[in-house]
Amino acid sequence: MIKYIVKADVKEQLAKDYLKRHENISSTLWKKIKRQDEFFVNGQKVRATQAIVKPNDIIEYNLPATSKVEAIQIPLNIVFEDDYFLIVDKIAGMLTHPLTFENTHTLANGVMYHFAKTNQNVGCHPLYRLDRNTSGLVVFAKMPQLQHQLANNHQKFQRYYYALVHGKLSQKQGQINAPIGRKKDSIILHEVNDEGKHAITNYHVIKEFENYSLIKLWLETGRTHQIRVHMSYLGHPLLGDDLYGGKLDLIARHALHAYKLKFTHPFTHEKICISSPMPDDMAKLIID
C-alpha cells in the first residue's frame, strides 16, 4: 500500500489533481489507480475519481504486483533490499530485462526467483536499464506505482558511472548538452541530432594514461546509450565500444560501470549511498 500525507500548504482539491500536481503521478499511473478500486482517504475507501482531499489527509492506494517475467535461479549480488526496493550489482554480459529473443537468463529472471524464494508477492519493476555490457547497480521497485513515479528521475536517484575512453580530453571536466535520437535506418544505433530528445551528461577526468583516460560521469537525463553516444560525439568513444567507434584491443566490452547510487528514500526519508567496486576487466587497466 502506497501512502501520501497531503501537504499542509495546499488547498482542498480533488485527490486526482493533488497527486498529479504535488506527487508527480503520471496520467498513465492514475488510470491504473482508478481502475483497481483500491483507494482510501483517512482509512475510508472512496471512489478515486470523486475523492476530495485537504491538508494533512492521508491518501492510500494499491496496485496488484503482477509480472510476466519467469522466475529462474540465477546468482545475484544483492546490495540493498527493503519493503520497497531491491538493488542488484549486475555483471557485464547480462540483460537487465527479458527481450523477445532472449527471455530467460536476465537479471529480472533472477530477481523474480529471489522474490519467490523469499515468499514476496511483489513484481519486478526496474527504475532504469543498463545495457547488456554495462556493469553495476540496478534498482528494482517492488510495486508498479513506484516504477511509474520514480523511473529515470535523475533528481531523486543520482547515478554515477566510471568509463574508460580513448585519448585525453582537452577539457578535464564539463557538461555535454546534446540531443540524442535513433540513427536513421538503424534499429540499434543512436546519435546526436537536432530531432533527438534532450540529453545532458556531466563528466570529470579522474586519471590519464598514455592512450586513454578514466572519467567519472553523472546523468541529468536517461536516453538510450547516452554516455556511449555523448563520449563518441566528443571524439572519445569508450574502450571496447566498437558500436560507437571504440577499439577492442584492451577490453572485450564497452568500459562502463554504474558504480554509485545516491537517493533519499521516498518513504523512510533515509539518505542512502551505495557503491559498487570496479570490475576486474576495467580495474586492471588503471593500475600503474
Protein backbone atom coordinates (compact mmCIF):
# COMPACT_ATOMS: atom_id res chain seq x y z
CA MET A 1 0.00 0.00 0.00
CA ILE A 2 1.39 3.39 -1.04
CA LYS A 3 0.69 6.26 1.35
CA TYR A 4 0.88 10.04 0.98
CA ILE A 5 0.16 12.72 3.56
CA VAL A 6 -1.36 15.76 1.88
CA LYS A 7 0.93 18.74 2.25
CA ALA A 8 -0.10 21.41 4.74
CA ASP A 9 0.17 24.33 2.32
CA VAL A 10 -2.27 23.13 -0.37
CA LYS A 11 -5.91 23.98 -0.88
CA GLU A 12 -8.75 21.49 -0.75
CA GLN A 13 -8.95 19.77 -4.12
CA LEU A 14 -9.64 16.53 -5.96
CA ALA A 15 -7.26 13.75 -4.98
CA LYS A 16 -6.51 13.24 -8.66
CA ASP A 17 -5.33 16.85 -9.01
CA TYR A 18 -3.29 16.71 -5.82
CA LEU A 19 -1.45 13.54 -6.82
CA LYS A 20 -0.65 14.85 -10.28
CA ARG A 21 0.41 18.35 -9.19
CA HIS A 22 2.23 17.63 -5.97
CA GLU A 23 3.31 13.96 -6.08
CA ASN A 24 4.17 13.74 -9.79
CA ILE A 25 1.73 10.93 -10.53
CA SER A 26 1.51 10.40 -14.29
CA SER A 27 -1.75 10.18 -16.22
CA THR A 28 -0.91 6.55 -17.07
CA LEU A 29 -0.48 5.65 -13.42
CA TRP A 30 -3.68 7.50 -12.44
CA LYS A 31 -5.67 5.40 -14.92
CA LYS A 32 -4.34 2.23 -13.31
CA ILE A 33 -5.10 3.51 -9.81
CA LYS A 34 -8.74 4.33 -10.51
CA ARG A 35 -9.33 1.02 -12.32
CA GLN A 36 -8.26 -1.02 -9.27
CA ASP A 37 -10.95 0.37 -6.92
CA GLU A 38 -8.46 0.32 -4.05
CA PHE A 39 -8.33 3.97 -2.97
CA PHE A 40 -8.55 5.29 0.59
CA VAL A 41 -8.63 8.71 2.27
CA ASN A 42 -8.04 8.70 6.03
CA GLY A 43 -8.68 4.96 6.08
CA GLN A 44 -12.05 5.16 4.34
CA LYS A 45 -12.49 3.51 0.96
CA VAL A 46 -13.70 6.08 -1.58
CA ARG A 47 -14.10 6.44 -5.32
CA ALA A 48 -10.79 7.68 -6.61
CA THR A 49 -12.32 9.93 -9.25
CA GLN A 50 -14.54 11.74 -6.73
CA ALA A 51 -12.29 11.88 -3.68
CA ILE A 52 -11.54 15.34 -2.29
CA VAL A 53 -8.57 15.91 -0.01
CA LYS A 54 -7.44 18.69 2.30
CA PRO A 55 -4.17 19.40 4.15
CA ASN A 56 -2.84 16.53 6.30
CA ASP A 57 -5.28 13.97 4.87
CA ILE A 58 -3.82 10.51 4.32
CA ILE A 59 -4.14 9.09 0.80
CA GLU A 60 -3.55 5.38 0.26
CA TYR A 61 -3.86 3.19 -2.82
CA ASN A 62 -2.76 -0.19 -4.03
CA LEU A 63 -1.98 -1.84 -7.33
CA PRO A 64 -1.57 -5.57 -7.97
CA ALA A 65 2.01 -6.82 -8.11
CA THR A 66 1.92 -8.62 -11.44
CA SER A 67 4.87 -9.69 -13.57
CA LYS A 68 5.20 -11.82 -16.69
CA VAL A 69 8.89 -12.41 -16.04
CA GLU A 70 9.71 -16.08 -15.40
CA ALA A 71 11.46 -16.87 -12.12
CA ILE A 72 14.79 -18.60 -12.85
CA GLN A 73 17.58 -19.36 -10.42
CA ILE A 74 20.46 -17.05 -11.31
CA PRO A 75 23.18 -15.90 -8.88
CA LEU A 76 22.56 -12.31 -7.74
CA ASN A 77 24.75 -9.84 -5.91
CA ILE A 78 22.10 -8.05 -3.81
CA VAL A 79 23.49 -4.92 -2.16
CA PHE A 80 20.28 -3.42 -0.71
CA GLU A 81 16.73 -4.57 0.00
CA ASP A 82 13.72 -3.33 1.94
CA ASP A 83 9.94 -3.47 1.53
CA TYR A 84 10.07 -1.08 -1.44
CA PHE A 85 13.31 -1.62 -3.39
CA LEU A 86 15.87 -4.23 -4.37
CA ILE A 87 19.28 -3.08 -5.64
CA VAL A 88 21.48 -5.55 -7.50
CA ASP A 89 25.06 -5.25 -8.72
CA LYS A 90 24.82 -6.52 -12.32
CA ILE A 91 27.67 -8.25 -14.09
CA ALA A 92 28.61 -7.32 -17.65
CA GLY A 93 27.12 -9.52 -20.37
CA MET A 94 23.65 -9.88 -18.82
CA LEU A 95 20.46 -8.19 -19.97
CA THR A 96 18.56 -6.23 -17.33
CA HIS A 97 15.14 -7.38 -18.56
CA PRO A 98 13.88 -10.07 -20.98
CA LEU A 99 13.53 -9.36 -24.68
CA THR A 100 11.51 -11.30 -27.25
CA PHE A 101 14.56 -13.22 -28.46
CA GLU A 102 16.18 -13.63 -25.02
CA ASN A 103 13.88 -14.05 -22.05
CA THR A 104 15.44 -16.46 -19.58
CA HIS A 105 18.98 -15.61 -18.44
CA THR A 106 18.40 -11.98 -17.47
CA LEU A 107 18.75 -10.02 -14.24
CA ALA A 108 14.97 -9.75 -13.93
CA ASN A 109 14.59 -13.55 -14.10
CA GLY A 110 16.94 -13.87 -11.15
CA VAL A 111 15.15 -11.12 -9.25
CA MET A 112 11.79 -12.90 -9.65
CA TYR A 113 13.36 -16.14 -8.39
CA HIS A 114 14.67 -14.28 -5.33
CA PHE A 115 11.19 -12.88 -4.64
CA ALA A 116 9.61 -16.33 -4.98
CA LYS A 117 12.22 -17.99 -2.78
CA THR A 118 11.70 -15.38 -0.04
CA ASN A 119 7.89 -15.56 -0.31
CA GLN A 120 7.46 -11.98 -1.51
CA ASN A 121 4.33 -11.38 -3.55
CA VAL A 122 5.79 -8.45 -5.47
CA GLY A 123 6.62 -7.59 -9.05
CA CYS A 124 9.82 -6.85 -10.92
CA HIS A 125 9.92 -3.18 -11.94
CA PRO A 126 13.36 -1.76 -12.91
CA LEU A 127 13.64 2.01 -12.50
CA TYR A 128 16.12 2.03 -15.39
CA ARG A 129 18.01 -0.46 -17.51
CA LEU A 130 21.72 -0.87 -18.04
CA ASP A 131 22.97 -2.03 -21.43
CA ARG A 132 23.92 -5.71 -21.60
CA ASN A 133 27.64 -4.98 -21.35
CA THR A 134 27.40 -2.20 -18.76
CA SER A 135 28.07 -3.45 -15.25
CA GLY A 136 26.92 -2.01 -11.96
CA LEU A 137 23.95 -1.01 -9.82
CA VAL A 138 20.34 -1.52 -10.94
CA VAL A 139 17.30 -0.54 -8.85
CA PHE A 140 14.11 -2.62 -8.91
CA ALA A 141 10.91 -1.27 -7.39
CA LYS A 142 8.67 -3.88 -5.80
CA MET A 143 5.48 -2.02 -6.74
CA PRO A 144 4.46 -0.75 -10.19
CA GLN A 145 3.39 2.63 -8.82
CA LEU A 146 6.95 3.26 -7.61
CA GLN A 147 8.31 2.47 -11.05
CA HIS A 148 5.87 4.90 -12.67
CA GLN A 149 6.66 7.58 -10.13
CA LEU A 150 10.44 7.30 -9.99
CA ALA A 151 11.66 5.76 -13.27
CA ASN A 152 14.58 7.77 -14.69
CA ASN A 153 14.12 10.51 -12.09
CA HIS A 154 17.69 11.76 -12.02
CA GLN A 155 16.96 14.34 -9.35
CA LYS A 156 15.80 11.72 -6.84
CA PHE A 157 18.04 8.84 -7.93
CA GLN A 158 21.53 10.14 -8.75
CA ARG A 159 23.56 7.67 -10.78
CA TYR A 160 27.35 7.83 -11.20
CA TYR A 161 29.48 5.92 -13.69
CA TYR A 162 33.12 5.10 -14.37
CA ALA A 163 34.19 4.92 -18.01
CA LEU A 164 37.46 4.37 -19.82
CA VAL A 165 37.60 6.42 -23.02
CA HIS A 166 40.05 6.72 -25.87
CA GLY A 167 42.51 9.62 -25.78
CA LYS A 168 42.84 12.60 -23.44
CA LEU A 169 40.08 15.16 -23.12
CA SER A 170 41.10 18.78 -23.69
CA GLN A 171 38.62 19.94 -21.04
CA LYS A 172 39.08 17.93 -17.87
CA GLN A 173 35.52 18.46 -16.72
CA GLY A 174 32.38 19.65 -18.39
CA GLN A 175 28.82 19.07 -19.45
CA ILE A 176 27.60 17.59 -22.73
CA ASN A 177 24.21 19.05 -23.64
CA ALA A 178 23.27 17.50 -26.97
CA PRO A 179 20.00 15.83 -28.05
CA ILE A 180 20.05 12.10 -28.80
CA GLY A 181 17.84 10.23 -31.24
CA ARG A 182 17.81 6.99 -33.17
CA LYS A 183 20.11 6.94 -36.19
CA LYS A 184 18.26 6.83 -39.49
CA ASP A 185 17.89 3.35 -40.96
CA SER A 186 19.14 1.66 -37.76
CA ILE A 187 17.21 -0.12 -35.02
CA ILE A 188 20.21 -0.14 -32.66
CA LEU A 189 22.42 2.89 -33.20
CA HIS A 190 21.69 6.31 -31.68
CA GLU A 191 23.35 9.63 -32.41
CA VAL A 192 23.36 13.30 -31.56
CA ASN A 193 20.89 15.03 -33.87
CA ASP A 194 18.60 18.05 -33.76
CA GLU A 195 15.48 15.88 -33.82
CA GLY A 196 16.56 13.84 -30.79
CA LYS A 197 15.49 14.09 -27.16
CA HIS A 198 17.07 16.46 -24.66
CA ALA A 199 20.15 14.79 -23.10
CA ILE A 200 22.69 16.03 -20.55
CA THR A 201 25.81 14.19 -19.35
CA ASN A 202 28.34 15.60 -16.86
CA TYR A 203 31.91 14.31 -16.73
CA HIS A 204 35.15 14.74 -14.81
CA VAL A 205 38.55 13.29 -15.75
CA ILE A 206 40.00 11.26 -12.88
CA LYS A 207 43.23 9.92 -14.38
CA GLU A 208 45.01 9.92 -17.72
CA PHE A 209 47.10 7.17 -19.28
CA GLU A 210 49.14 7.07 -22.47
CA ASN A 211 46.26 6.44 -24.86
CA TYR A 212 43.12 6.56 -22.74
CA SER A 213 41.50 8.21 -19.72
CA LEU A 214 39.44 7.21 -16.70
CA ILE A 215 36.46 9.52 -16.24
CA LYS A 216 33.53 9.84 -13.85
CA LEU A 217 30.11 10.70 -15.25
CA TRP A 218 26.70 11.53 -13.85
CA LEU A 219 23.46 11.93 -15.76
CA GLU A 220 20.70 14.51 -15.77
CA THR A 221 18.65 12.56 -18.33
CA GLY A 222 18.34 8.89 -19.27
CA ARG A 223 18.48 8.35 -23.02
CA THR A 224 19.34 5.08 -24.73
CA HIS A 225 23.14 4.66 -24.99
CA GLN A 226 23.50 8.22 -23.62
CA ILE A 227 27.04 8.03 -22.23
CA ARG A 228 28.30 5.99 -25.17
CA VAL A 229 26.79 8.38 -27.73
CA HIS A 230 27.91 11.55 -25.95
CA MET A 231 31.51 10.40 -25.50
CA SER A 232 31.71 9.30 -29.14
CA TYR A 233 30.28 12.71 -30.09
CA LEU A 234 33.18 14.35 -28.22
CA GLY A 235 35.63 12.21 -30.17
CA HIS A 236 36.45 9.99 -27.18
CA PRO A 237 34.47 6.74 -27.53
CA LEU A 238 34.56 4.17 -24.76
CA LEU A 239 37.22 1.48 -24.87
CA GLY A 240 35.66 -1.69 -26.23
CA ASP A 241 32.65 0.10 -27.70
CA ASP A 242 33.02 -0.91 -31.34
CA LEU A 243 29.40 0.12 -31.96
CA TYR A 244 30.37 3.77 -31.48
CA GLY A 245 33.97 3.83 -32.64
CA GLY A 246 35.86 2.25 -29.75
CA LYS A 247 38.58 -0.38 -30.15
CA LEU A 248 38.57 -3.89 -28.71
CA ASP A 249 42.31 -4.28 -28.15
CA LEU A 250 42.26 -3.60 -24.37
CA ILE A 251 38.85 -4.81 -23.22
CA ALA A 252 36.21 -7.08 -24.76
CA ARG A 253 33.17 -4.95 -23.84
CA HIS A 254 32.45 -1.25 -23.58
CA ALA A 255 34.22 0.01 -20.47
CA LEU A 256 31.31 1.42 -18.47
CA HIS A 257 30.38 0.71 -14.85
CA ALA A 258 27.50 2.16 -12.78
CA TYR A 259 29.48 2.48 -9.58
CA LYS A 260 27.42 4.67 -7.23
CA LEU A 261 23.80 5.45 -6.44
CA LYS A 262 22.57 8.21 -4.10
CA PHE A 263 18.98 8.89 -3.12
CA THR A 264 16.70 9.91 -0.30
CA HIS A 265 14.29 7.07 0.38
CA PRO A 266 10.82 8.30 -0.62
CA PHE A 267 9.16 6.63 2.39
CA THR A 268 11.72 6.33 5.20
CA HIS A 269 13.46 9.59 4.14
CA GLU A 270 16.80 7.95 4.90
CA LYS A 271 19.73 9.20 2.82
CA ILE A 272 21.20 6.18 1.05
CA CYS A 273 24.51 5.92 -0.79
CA ILE A 274 25.56 2.60 -2.31
CA SER A 275 28.77 1.87 -4.19
CA SER A 276 29.97 -0.99 -6.37
CA PRO A 277 33.67 -1.82 -6.85
CA MET A 278 35.08 -1.51 -10.33
CA PRO A 279 35.06 -4.92 -12.09
CA ASP A 280 38.38 -6.64 -12.80
CA ASP A 281 38.39 -6.10 -16.56
CA MET A 282 38.31 -2.31 -16.05
CA ALA A 283 40.35 -2.20 -12.84
CA LYS A 284 43.39 -3.88 -14.41
CA LEU A 285 43.58 -1.04 -16.97
CA ILE A 286 44.03 1.68 -14.32
CA ILE A 287 46.86 0.07 -12.40
CA ASP A 288 50.13 1.93 -12.91
